[in-house]
Amino acid sequence: MLVVALIIVVTLAAGAMVWHALLVAPGDVQLTKHEVPIPGLPPAFDGYRIAVLADFHHGPQQPAHRARRAVALANAQSPHIAVLLGDYGTSEWAARDLSLRWYHRTFEVLGPILRTLRAPDGVLAVIGNHDYYASGDETHDWLESLGVRALRNAAIDVPSPDGPVRFVGLDDLEEGIVDADIVADLVRGDSPTIVLSHHPDGVRFCRHPSVRLVLSGHTHGGQVVLPWLGAPVTRSEVCTRLQPAGWVANPYAPLFVSRGIGSQIPVRVGSTPEVVILTLRTLEHEPSGTD
């Protein structure tokens, strides 16, 4: 009798874990906040809020209401600027025609949601590998049609009376063209620079001393993170199984990797989806964060 009871308990527990991983966790978009001291930050930018939204992966497995929740979470924090870190839809390299049809549907559904994202200094975006699997050019043009500034190896300065902060957007590391020379050309002068790179390994090209912060997605925080073992898969050399997201130690530049909002395979264990608010601080402030 005891054995039967144990089998029932274990079966129910396993079923509950599967139910949570498939049906609850993927839609449980959380808000994560961090304060980020930036060397040389112009005083006018102290308290400047950046909303970070990565990896929507809109598609049949990622319904639109999750994207709406993510945008609502960001808007509620009144960010000064918002950044989108790529992979907006569902796609497969081996089925590019089908992927493009899926992406056209994503453009129709996700576009109106992204139009509601509010930030006085605008919305910046980069392109990810899945966007390329469908069409990097069409994804770029779609973003621009929404009023989003799509940065493919491009830069923009946000001015202030005390001097600018530069935002640099890199092409996708896997499917686009990016290297150290391109980054060096974009990072000019001594203005503090924040680099947007869908793939975390783009940080390897960001040794320039003006680069104060690199923001990435792509890993989904490992998506499945196991106790003691960490994430078996990170799809990144910089992100390890024990550091698949968040502040990732590396020898190149300060790197923050978002767990993202969606995923191609709708499973999450120990890696809840997130919208991130980063508050820039002058060095007089100590860093803090909440997960």
C-alpha atoms as a PDB file:
ATOM      1  CA  MET A   1       0.000   0.000   0.000  1.00  0.00           C
ATOM      2  CA  LEU A   2       2.838   2.370   0.866  1.00  0.00           C
ATOM      3  CA  VAL A   3       4.515   1.677  -2.462  1.00  0.00           C
ATOM      4  CA  VAL A   4       1.293   2.466  -4.328  1.00  0.00           C
ATOM      5  CA  ALA A   5       0.917   5.710  -2.385  1.00  0.00           C
ATOM      6  CA  LEU A   6       4.484   6.723  -3.192  1.00  0.00           C
ATOM      7  CA  ILE A   7       3.953   5.985  -6.875  1.00  0.00           C
ATOM      8  CA  ILE A   8       0.816   8.143  -6.872  1.00  0.00           C
ATOM      9  CA  VAL A   9       2.583  11.013  -5.113  1.00  0.00           C
ATOM     10  CA  VAL A  10       5.567  10.895  -7.461  1.00  0.00           C
ATOM     11  CA  THR A  11       3.297  10.715 -10.515  1.00  0.00           C
ATOM     12  CA  LEU A  12       1.236  13.685  -9.348  1.00  0.00           C
ATOM     13  CA  ALA A  13       4.359  15.690  -8.555  1.00  0.00           C
ATOM     14  CA  ALA A  14       5.861  14.939 -11.956  1.00  0.00           C
ATOM     15  CA  GLY A  15       2.601  15.863 -13.646  1.00  0.00           C
ATOM     16  CA  ALA A  16       2.466  19.148 -11.744  1.00  0.00           C
ATOM     17  CA  MET A  17       6.025  19.980 -12.785  1.00  0.00           C
ATOM     18  CA  VAL A  18       5.280  19.264 -16.438  1.00  0.00           C
ATOM     19  CA  TRP A  19       2.063  21.294 -16.253  1.00  0.00           C
ATOM     20  CA  HIS A  20       3.920  24.244 -14.745  1.00  0.00           C
ATOM     21  CA  ALA A  21       6.807  24.027 -17.240  1.00  0.00           C
ATOM     22  CA  LEU A  22       4.493  23.870 -20.266  1.00  0.00           C
ATOM     23  CA  LEU A  23       1.447  25.935 -19.330  1.00  0.00           C
ATOM     24  CA  VAL A  24       2.308  28.266 -16.450  1.00  0.00           C
ATOM     25  CA  ALA A  25       5.965  29.314 -16.520  1.00  0.00           C
ATOM     26  CA  PRO A  26       6.155  30.332 -20.224  1.00  0.00           C
ATOM     27  CA  GLY A  27       3.403  32.915 -19.698  1.00  0.00           C
ATOM     28  CA  ASP A  28       4.483  34.150 -16.282  1.00  0.00           C
ATOM     29  CA  VAL A  29       6.321  37.260 -17.491  1.00  0.00           C
ATOM     30  CA  GLN A  30       8.061  38.927 -14.548  1.00  0.00           C
ATOM     31  CA  LEU A  31       9.458  42.427 -14.021  1.00  0.00           C
ATOM     32  CA  THR A  32      13.150  42.563 -13.076  1.00  0.00           C
ATOM     33  CA  LYS A  33      14.871  45.778 -11.967  1.00  0.00           C
ATOM     34  CA  HIS A  34      18.548  46.659 -11.661  1.00  0.00           C
ATOM     35  CA  GLU A  35      20.466  49.827 -10.904  1.00  0.00           C
ATOM     36  CA  VAL A  36      23.584  50.117 -13.040  1.00  0.00           C
ATOM     37  CA  PRO A  37      26.454  52.489 -12.161  1.00  0.00           C
ATOM     38  CA  ILE A  38      28.043  53.760 -15.370  1.00  0.00           C
ATOM     39  CA  PRO A  39      31.548  55.297 -15.333  1.00  0.00           C
ATOM     40  CA  GLY A  40      31.513  58.749 -16.897  1.00  0.00           C
ATOM     41  CA  LEU A  41      27.720  58.909 -17.039  1.00  0.00           C
ATOM     42  CA  PRO A  42      26.597  62.509 -17.637  1.00  0.00           C
ATOM     43  CA  PRO A  43      24.751  63.681 -14.488  1.00  0.00           C
ATOM     44  CA  ALA A  44      21.598  64.370 -16.510  1.00  0.00           C
ATOM     45  CA  PHE A  45      21.287  60.608 -17.103  1.00  0.00           C
ATOM     46  CA  ASP A  46      21.355  59.665 -13.420  1.00  0.00           C
ATOM     47  CA  GLY A  47      18.088  57.762 -12.912  1.00  0.00           C
ATOM     48  CA  TYR A  48      17.639  57.136 -16.654  1.00  0.00           C
ATOM     49  CA  ARG A  49      15.455  54.059 -17.175  1.00  0.00           C
ATOM     50  CA  ILE A  50      15.914  51.562 -20.002  1.00  0.00           C
ATOM     51  CA  ALA A  51      13.212  48.972 -20.702  1.00  0.00           C
ATOM     52  CA  VAL A  52      14.732  45.783 -22.120  1.00  0.00           C
ATOM     53  CA  LEU A  53      12.472  43.400 -24.064  1.00  0.00           C
ATOM     54  CA  ALA A  54      14.065  40.394 -25.760  1.00  0.00           C
ATOM     55  CA  ASP A  55      12.983  37.304 -27.687  1.00  0.00           C
ATOM     56  CA  PHE A  56       9.226  37.703 -28.151  1.00  0.00           C
ATOM     57  CA  HIS A  57       9.171  34.624 -30.435  1.00  0.00           C
ATOM     58  CA  HIS A  58       5.547  35.347 -31.316  1.00  0.00           C
ATOM     59  CA  GLY A  59       3.805  32.381 -32.907  1.00  0.00           C
ATOM     60  CA  PRO A  60       1.288  29.632 -32.217  1.00  0.00           C
ATOM     61  CA  GLN A  61       3.263  28.628 -29.117  1.00  0.00           C
ATOM     62  CA  GLN A  62       3.558  32.241 -27.869  1.00  0.00           C
ATOM     63  CA  PRO A  63       0.119  33.892 -27.891  1.00  0.00           C
ATOM     64  CA  ALA A  64      -0.219  37.635 -28.284  1.00  0.00           C
ATOM     65  CA  HIS A  65      -1.447  38.253 -24.742  1.00  0.00           C
ATOM     66  CA  ARG A  66       2.048  37.501 -23.423  1.00  0.00           C
ATOM     67  CA  ALA A  67       3.506  40.254 -25.585  1.00  0.00           C
ATOM     68  CA  ARG A  68       0.766  42.617 -24.412  1.00  0.00           C
ATOM     69  CA  ARG A  69       1.611  41.842 -20.807  1.00  0.00           C
ATOM     70  CA  ALA A  70       5.301  42.456 -21.452  1.00  0.00           C
ATOM     71  CA  VAL A  71       4.662  45.840 -23.056  1.00  0.00           C
ATOM     72  CA  ALA A  72       2.249  46.792 -20.265  1.00  0.00           C
ATOM     73  CA  LEU A  73       4.869  45.905 -17.642  1.00  0.00           C
ATOM     74  CA  ALA A  74       7.411  48.085 -19.429  1.00  0.00           C
ATOM     75  CA  ASN A  75       5.047  51.022 -19.894  1.00  0.00           C
ATOM     76  CA  ALA A  76       4.077  50.969 -16.212  1.00  0.00           C
ATOM     77  CA  GLN A  77       7.696  51.784 -15.315  1.00  0.00           C
ATOM     78  CA  SER A  78       7.747  54.939 -17.487  1.00  0.00           C
ATOM     79  CA  PRO A  79      11.066  54.152 -19.193  1.00  0.00           C
ATOM     80  CA  HIS A  80      12.999  56.916 -20.885  1.00  0.00           C
ATOM     81  CA  ILE A  81      13.984  54.581 -23.724  1.00  0.00           C
ATOM     82  CA  ALA A  82      13.076  51.014 -24.712  1.00  0.00           C
ATOM     83  CA  VAL A  83      15.290  48.477 -26.463  1.00  0.00           C
ATOM     84  CA  LEU A  84      14.168  45.364 -28.336  1.00  0.00           C
ATOM     85  CA  LEU A  85      16.816  42.669 -28.607  1.00  0.00           C
ATOM     86  CA  GLY A  86      15.670  40.553 -31.550  1.00  0.00           C
ATOM     87  CA  ASP A  87      13.916  37.264 -32.367  1.00  0.00           C
ATOM     88  CA  TYR A  88      10.406  38.652 -32.813  1.00  0.00           C
ATOM     89  CA  GLY A  89       8.793  35.559 -34.308  1.00  0.00           C
ATOM     90  CA  THR A  90       8.987  31.814 -34.859  1.00  0.00           C
ATOM     91  CA  SER A  91      11.165  30.505 -37.678  1.00  0.00           C
ATOM     92  CA  GLU A  92      13.327  27.623 -38.858  1.00  0.00           C
ATOM     93  CA  TRP A  93      16.428  27.860 -41.044  1.00  0.00           C
ATOM     94  CA  ALA A  94      15.454  24.658 -42.868  1.00  0.00           C
ATOM     95  CA  ALA A  95      11.983  26.001 -43.764  1.00  0.00           C
ATOM     96  CA  ARG A  96      12.554  29.573 -44.859  1.00  0.00           C
ATOM     97  CA  ASP A  97       9.435  29.963 -47.026  1.00  0.00           C
ATOM     98  CA  LEU A  98       7.251  28.720 -44.190  1.00  0.00           C
ATOM     99  CA  SER A  99       9.169  30.887 -41.721  1.00  0.00           C
ATOM    100  CA  LEU A 100       8.513  33.979 -43.801  1.00  0.00           C
ATOM    101  CA  ARG A 101       4.780  33.236 -43.828  1.00  0.00           C
ATOM    102  CA  TRP A 102       4.888  32.851 -40.048  1.00  0.00           C
ATOM    103  CA  TYR A 103       6.748  36.140 -39.786  1.00  0.00           C
ATOM    104  CA  HIS A 104       4.217  37.964 -41.939  1.00  0.00           C
ATOM    105  CA  ARG A 105       1.614  36.882 -39.409  1.00  0.00           C
ATOM    106  CA  THR A 106       3.899  38.087 -36.599  1.00  0.00           C
ATOM    107  CA  PHE A 107       4.206  41.469 -38.319  1.00  0.00           C
ATOM    108  CA  GLU A 108       0.393  41.734 -38.386  1.00  0.00           C
ATOM    109  CA  VAL A 109      -0.158  40.704 -34.760  1.00  0.00           C
ATOM    110  CA  LEU A 110       2.924  41.908 -32.889  1.00  0.00           C
ATOM    111  CA  GLY A 111       3.213  45.220 -34.737  1.00  0.00           C
ATOM    112  CA  PRO A 112       0.166  46.899 -33.150  1.00  0.00           C
ATOM    113  CA  ILE A 113       1.327  45.703 -29.722  1.00  0.00           C
ATOM    114  CA  LEU A 114       4.802  47.182 -30.147  1.00  0.00           C
ATOM    115  CA  ARG A 115       3.254  50.456 -31.305  1.00  0.00           C
ATOM    116  CA  THR A 116       1.857  50.855 -27.786  1.00  0.00           C
ATOM    117  CA  LEU A 117       5.344  50.792 -26.225  1.00  0.00           C
ATOM    118  CA  ARG A 118       5.928  54.268 -24.798  1.00  0.00           C
ATOM    119  CA  ALA A 119       9.293  55.926 -24.162  1.00  0.00           C
ATOM    120  CA  PRO A 120      10.058  59.624 -24.721  1.00  0.00           C
ATOM    121  CA  ASP A 121      13.490  58.907 -26.213  1.00  0.00           C
ATOM    122  CA  GLY A 122      12.056  56.270 -28.508  1.00  0.00           C
ATOM    123  CA  VAL A 123      12.386  52.546 -29.117  1.00  0.00           C
ATOM    124  CA  LEU A 124      15.592  50.998 -30.454  1.00  0.00           C
ATOM    125  CA  ALA A 125      15.920  47.480 -31.842  1.00  0.00           C
ATOM    126  CA  VAL A 126      18.360  44.925 -33.179  1.00  0.00           C
ATOM    127  CA  ILE A 127      17.771  41.803 -35.245  1.00  0.00           C
ATOM    128  CA  GLY A 128      18.304  38.221 -34.081  1.00  0.00           C
ATOM    129  CA  ASN A 129      19.099  34.926 -35.752  1.00  0.00           C
ATOM    130  CA  HIS A 130      15.458  33.849 -36.044  1.00  0.00           C
ATOM    131  CA  ASP A 131      14.619  37.126 -37.766  1.00  0.00           C
ATOM    132  CA  TYR A 132      17.253  36.254 -40.351  1.00  0.00           C
ATOM    133  CA  TYR A 133      15.853  32.736 -40.792  1.00  0.00           C
ATOM    134  CA  ALA A 134      12.713  34.431 -42.146  1.00  0.00           C
ATOM    135  CA  SER A 135      14.066  37.700 -43.590  1.00  0.00           C
ATOM    136  CA  GLY A 136      16.396  40.108 -41.855  1.00  0.00           C
ATOM    137  CA  ASP A 137      15.596  42.846 -44.369  1.00  0.00           C
ATOM    138  CA  GLU A 138      11.831  42.494 -43.995  1.00  0.00           C
ATOM    139  CA  THR A 139      12.145  42.432 -40.207  1.00  0.00           C
ATOM    140  CA  HIS A 140      14.252  45.601 -40.316  1.00  0.00           C
ATOM    141  CA  ASP A 141      11.722  47.378 -42.556  1.00  0.00           C
ATOM    142  CA  TRP A 142       8.808  46.224 -40.378  1.00  0.00           C
ATOM    143  CA  LEU A 143      10.443  47.638 -37.256  1.00  0.00           C
ATOM    144  CA  GLU A 144      11.104  50.944 -38.991  1.00  0.00           C
ATOM    145  CA  SER A 145       7.465  51.078 -40.151  1.00  0.00           C
ATOM    146  CA  LEU A 146       6.427  50.962 -36.485  1.00  0.00           C
ATOM    147  CA  GLY A 147       8.537  54.011 -35.685  1.00  0.00           C
ATOM    148  CA  VAL A 148      11.221  51.825 -34.094  1.00  0.00           C
ATOM    149  CA  ARG A 149      14.843  52.726 -34.830  1.00  0.00           C
ATOM    150  CA  ALA A 150      16.345  49.452 -36.085  1.00  0.00           C
ATOM    151  CA  LEU A 151      20.118  49.477 -35.600  1.00  0.00           C
ATOM    152  CA  ARG A 152      22.105  47.105 -37.825  1.00  0.00           C
ATOM    153  CA  ASN A 153      25.693  48.075 -37.152  1.00  0.00           C
ATOM    154  CA  ALA A 154      24.490  51.597 -36.493  1.00  0.00           C
ATOM    155  CA  ALA A 155      24.563  54.069 -33.627  1.00  0.00           C
ATOM    156  CA  ILE A 156      22.435  56.834 -32.181  1.00  0.00           C
ATOM    157  CA  ASP A 157      23.278  59.463 -29.580  1.00  0.00           C
ATOM    158  CA  VAL A 158      20.770  60.441 -26.900  1.00  0.00           C
ATOM    159  CA  PRO A 159      21.659  64.041 -26.034  1.00  0.00           C
ATOM    160  CA  SER A 160      21.573  65.890 -22.737  1.00  0.00           C
ATOM    161  CA  PRO A 161      22.891  69.260 -21.501  1.00  0.00           C
ATOM    162  CA  ASP A 162      25.745  67.330 -19.850  1.00  0.00           C
ATOM    163  CA  GLY A 163      26.677  65.317 -22.928  1.00  0.00           C
ATOM    164  CA  PRO A 164      25.298  62.282 -24.772  1.00  0.00           C
ATOM    165  CA  VAL A 165      24.987  58.582 -24.162  1.00  0.00           C
ATOM    166  CA  ARG A 166      25.567  56.549 -27.303  1.00  0.00           C
ATOM    167  CA  PHE A 167      23.554  53.445 -28.179  1.00  0.00           C
ATOM    168  CA  VAL A 168      25.111  51.038 -30.680  1.00  0.00           C
ATOM    169  CA  GLY A 169      23.134  48.218 -32.276  1.00  0.00           C
ATOM    170  CA  LEU A 170      25.030  45.265 -33.730  1.00  0.00           C
ATOM    171  CA  ASP A 171      23.997  42.922 -36.502  1.00  0.00           C
ATOM    172  CA  ASP A 172      23.286  39.336 -35.487  1.00  0.00           C
ATOM    173  CA  LEU A 173      26.453  37.441 -34.649  1.00  0.00           C
ATOM    174  CA  GLU A 174      25.366  34.176 -36.311  1.00  0.00           C
ATOM    175  CA  GLU A 175      23.578  35.327 -39.452  1.00  0.00           C
ATOM    176  CA  GLY A 176      24.727  38.915 -39.975  1.00  0.00           C
ATOM    177  CA  ILE A 177      28.073  40.652 -40.309  1.00  0.00           C
ATOM    178  CA  VAL A 178      29.819  42.015 -37.230  1.00  0.00           C
ATOM    179  CA  ASP A 179      33.435  42.177 -36.116  1.00  0.00           C
ATOM    180  CA  ALA A 180      35.775  44.206 -33.941  1.00  0.00           C
ATOM    181  CA  ASP A 181      36.498  46.760 -36.683  1.00  0.00           C
ATOM    182  CA  ILE A 182      32.798  47.457 -37.169  1.00  0.00           C
ATOM    183  CA  VAL A 183      32.305  47.973 -33.448  1.00  0.00           C
ATOM    184  CA  ALA A 184      35.380  50.198 -33.184  1.00  0.00           C
ATOM    185  CA  ASP A 185      34.019  52.392 -35.981  1.00  0.00           C
ATOM    186  CA  LEU A 186      30.670  52.743 -34.201  1.00  0.00           C
ATOM    187  CA  VAL A 187      32.129  53.423 -30.759  1.00  0.00           C
ATOM    188  CA  ARG A 188      33.826  56.771 -31.223  1.00  0.00           C
ATOM    189  CA  GLY A 189      35.154  59.251 -28.693  1.00  0.00           C
ATOM    190  CA  ASP A 190      34.721  58.948 -24.962  1.00  0.00           C
ATOM    191  CA  SER A 191      30.925  59.164 -24.682  1.00  0.00           C
ATOM    192  CA  PRO A 192      29.615  56.315 -22.515  1.00  0.00           C
ATOM    193  CA  THR A 193      28.282  53.707 -24.907  1.00  0.00           C
ATOM    194  CA  ILE A 194      25.660  50.998 -24.481  1.00  0.00           C
ATOM    195  CA  VAL A 195      25.811  48.193 -27.045  1.00  0.00           C
ATOM    196  CA  LEU A 196      22.780  46.146 -28.092  1.00  0.00           C
ATOM    197  CA  SER A 197      23.664  42.681 -29.380  1.00  0.00           C
ATOM    198  CA  HIS A 198      21.091  39.924 -29.738  1.00  0.00           C
ATOM    199  CA  HIS A 199      23.766  37.286 -29.193  1.00  0.00           C
ATOM    200  CA  PRO A 200      25.736  37.600 -25.925  1.00  0.00           C
ATOM    201  CA  ASP A 201      28.938  36.527 -27.656  1.00  0.00           C
ATOM    202  CA  GLY A 202      28.913  39.870 -29.441  1.00  0.00           C
ATOM    203  CA  VAL A 203      30.527  41.182 -26.261  1.00  0.00           C
ATOM    204  CA  ARG A 204      33.812  39.737 -27.544  1.00  0.00           C
ATOM    205  CA  PHE A 205      34.023  42.663 -29.979  1.00  0.00           C
ATOM    206  CA  CYS A 206      33.334  45.279 -27.313  1.00  0.00           C
ATOM    207  CA  ARG A 207      36.741  45.852 -25.735  1.00  0.00           C
ATOM    208  CA  HIS A 208      36.665  49.596 -26.468  1.00  0.00           C
ATOM    209  CA  PRO A 209      36.976  51.546 -23.189  1.00  0.00           C
ATOM    210  CA  SER A 210      33.915  53.666 -23.996  1.00  0.00           C
ATOM    211  CA  VAL A 211      31.664  50.586 -23.943  1.00  0.00           C
ATOM    212  CA  ARG A 212      30.091  50.706 -20.501  1.00  0.00           C
ATOM    213  CA  LEU A 213      27.374  48.090 -20.970  1.00  0.00           C
ATOM    214  CA  VAL A 214      26.313  45.364 -23.411  1.00  0.00           C
ATOM    215  CA  LEU A 215      22.685  44.178 -23.487  1.00  0.00           C
ATOM    216  CA  SER A 216      21.751  40.815 -25.007  1.00  0.00           C
ATOM    217  CA  GLY A 217      19.108  38.101 -25.176  1.00  0.00           C
ATOM    218  CA  HIS A 218      19.200  34.872 -27.233  1.00  0.00           C
ATOM    219  CA  THR A 219      19.781  32.361 -24.410  1.00  0.00           C
ATOM    220  CA  HIS A 220      16.290  32.547 -22.874  1.00  0.00           C
ATOM    221  CA  GLY A 221      18.157  32.249 -19.592  1.00  0.00           C
ATOM    222  CA  GLY A 222      18.966  28.662 -20.491  1.00  0.00           C
ATOM    223  CA  GLN A 223      15.199  28.026 -20.602  1.00  0.00           C
ATOM    224  CA  VAL A 224      15.627  24.875 -18.502  1.00  0.00           C
ATOM    225  CA  VAL A 225      17.784  25.527 -15.434  1.00  0.00           C
ATOM    226  CA  LEU A 226      18.230  22.602 -13.062  1.00  0.00           C
ATOM    227  CA  PRO A 227      19.172  22.761  -9.368  1.00  0.00           C
ATOM    228  CA  TRP A 228      22.945  22.422  -8.860  1.00  0.00           C
ATOM    229  CA  LEU A 229      23.467  21.594 -12.554  1.00  0.00           C
ATOM    230  CA  GLY A 230      22.399  24.891 -14.089  1.00  0.00           C
ATOM    231  CA  ALA A 231      21.397  25.209 -17.740  1.00  0.00           C
ATOM    232  CA  PRO A 232      22.443  22.280 -19.953  1.00  0.00           C
ATOM    233  CA  VAL A 233      22.105  24.503 -23.054  1.00  0.00           C
ATOM    234  CA  THR A 234      22.943  28.216 -23.357  1.00  0.00           C
ATOM    235  CA  ARG A 235      23.827  28.516 -27.089  1.00  0.00           C
ATOM    236  CA  SER A 236      26.598  30.905 -26.104  1.00  0.00           C
ATOM    237  CA  GLU A 237      30.293  30.652 -25.315  1.00  0.00           C
ATOM    238  CA  VAL A 238      30.197  33.579 -22.896  1.00  0.00           C
ATOM    239  CA  CYS A 239      27.105  32.403 -21.018  1.00  0.00           C
ATOM    240  CA  THR A 240      27.816  29.273 -19.009  1.00  0.00           C
ATOM    241  CA  ARG A 241      25.469  26.697 -17.538  1.00  0.00           C
ATOM    242  CA  LEU A 242      25.738  28.483 -14.178  1.00  0.00           C
ATOM    243  CA  GLN A 243      25.491  31.956 -15.740  1.00  0.00           C
ATOM    244  CA  PRO A 244      22.976  31.628 -18.575  1.00  0.00           C
ATOM    245  CA  ALA A 245      21.478  35.090 -17.999  1.00  0.00           C
ATOM    246  CA  GLY A 246      21.633  38.171 -15.811  1.00  0.00           C
ATOM    247  CA  TRP A 247      25.019  39.718 -15.122  1.00  0.00           C
ATOM    248  CA  VAL A 248      27.463  37.456 -16.947  1.00  0.00           C
ATOM    249  CA  ALA A 249      31.147  37.671 -16.002  1.00  0.00           C
ATOM    250  CA  ASN A 250      33.510  38.021 -18.955  1.00  0.00           C
ATOM    251  CA  PRO A 251      36.837  39.735 -19.772  1.00  0.00           C
ATOM    252  CA  TYR A 252      35.425  42.133 -22.377  1.00  0.00           C
ATOM    253  CA  ALA A 253      32.715  44.493 -21.047  1.00  0.00           C
ATOM    254  CA  PRO A 254      29.875  44.548 -18.497  1.00  0.00           C
ATOM    255  CA  LEU A 255      27.225  42.226 -19.943  1.00  0.00           C
ATOM    256  CA  PHE A 256      23.576  41.814 -19.014  1.00  0.00           C
ATOM    257  CA  VAL A 257      21.652  38.977 -20.682  1.00  0.00           C
ATOM    258  CA  SER A 258      17.854  38.983 -20.493  1.00  0.00           C
ATOM    259  CA  ARG A 259      15.912  35.754 -20.013  1.00  0.00           C
ATOM    260  CA  GLY A 260      13.569  37.057 -22.685  1.00  0.00           C
ATOM    261  CA  ILE A 261       9.803  36.931 -23.059  1.00  0.00           C
ATOM    262  CA  GLY A 262       9.106  33.971 -25.328  1.00  0.00           C
ATOM    263  CA  SER A 263      10.778  30.894 -26.757  1.00  0.00           C
ATOM    264  CA  GLN A 264      10.493  28.720 -29.823  1.00  0.00           C
ATOM    265  CA  ILE A 265       9.900  25.628 -27.681  1.00  0.00           C
ATOM    266  CA  PRO A 266       7.373  26.754 -25.039  1.00  0.00           C
ATOM    267  CA  VAL A 267       9.005  25.209 -21.977  1.00  0.00           C
ATOM    268  CA  ARG A 268      10.463  27.046 -18.969  1.00  0.00           C
ATOM    269  CA  VAL A 269      12.000  25.498 -15.870  1.00  0.00           C
ATOM    270  CA  GLY A 270      13.849  27.719 -13.413  1.00  0.00           C
ATOM    271  CA  SER A 271      14.054  30.551 -15.942  1.00  0.00           C
ATOM    272  CA  THR A 272      10.956  32.716 -15.874  1.00  0.00           C
ATOM    273  CA  PRO A 273      10.417  35.129 -18.768  1.00  0.00           C
ATOM    274  CA  GLU A 274      11.117  38.747 -17.940  1.00  0.00           C
ATOM    275  CA  VAL A 275      10.917  42.386 -18.834  1.00  0.00           C
ATOM    276  CA  VAL A 276      13.947  44.231 -17.470  1.00  0.00           C
ATOM    277  CA  ILE A 277      14.183  47.818 -16.255  1.00  0.00           C
ATOM    278  CA  LEU A 278      17.737  49.101 -15.941  1.00  0.00           C
ATOM    279  CA  THR A 279      18.217  52.392 -14.108  1.00  0.00           C
ATOM    280  CA  LEU A 280      21.486  54.111 -14.958  1.00  0.00           C
ATOM    281  CA  ARG A 281      23.383  55.706 -12.097  1.00  0.00           C
ATOM    282  CA  THR A 282      26.476  57.816 -11.739  1.00  0.00           C
ATOM    283  CA  LEU A 283      29.252  56.101  -9.815  1.00  0.00           C
ATOM    284  CA  GLU A 284      28.166  57.751  -6.572  1.00  0.00           C
ATOM    285  CA  HIS A 285      25.377  55.145  -6.441  1.00  0.00           C
ATOM    286  CA  GLU A 286      25.915  51.510  -5.497  1.00  0.00           C
ATOM    287  CA  PRO A 287      24.475  48.794  -7.787  1.00  0.00           C
ATOM    288  CA  SER A 288      21.397  46.881  -6.750  1.00  0.00           C
ATOM    289  CA  GLY A 289      19.070  44.418  -8.394  1.00  0.00           C
ATOM    290  CA  THR A 290      15.917  42.407  -7.856  1.00  0.00           C
ATOM    291  CA  ASP A 291      15.020  39.157  -9.544  1.00  0.00           C
END
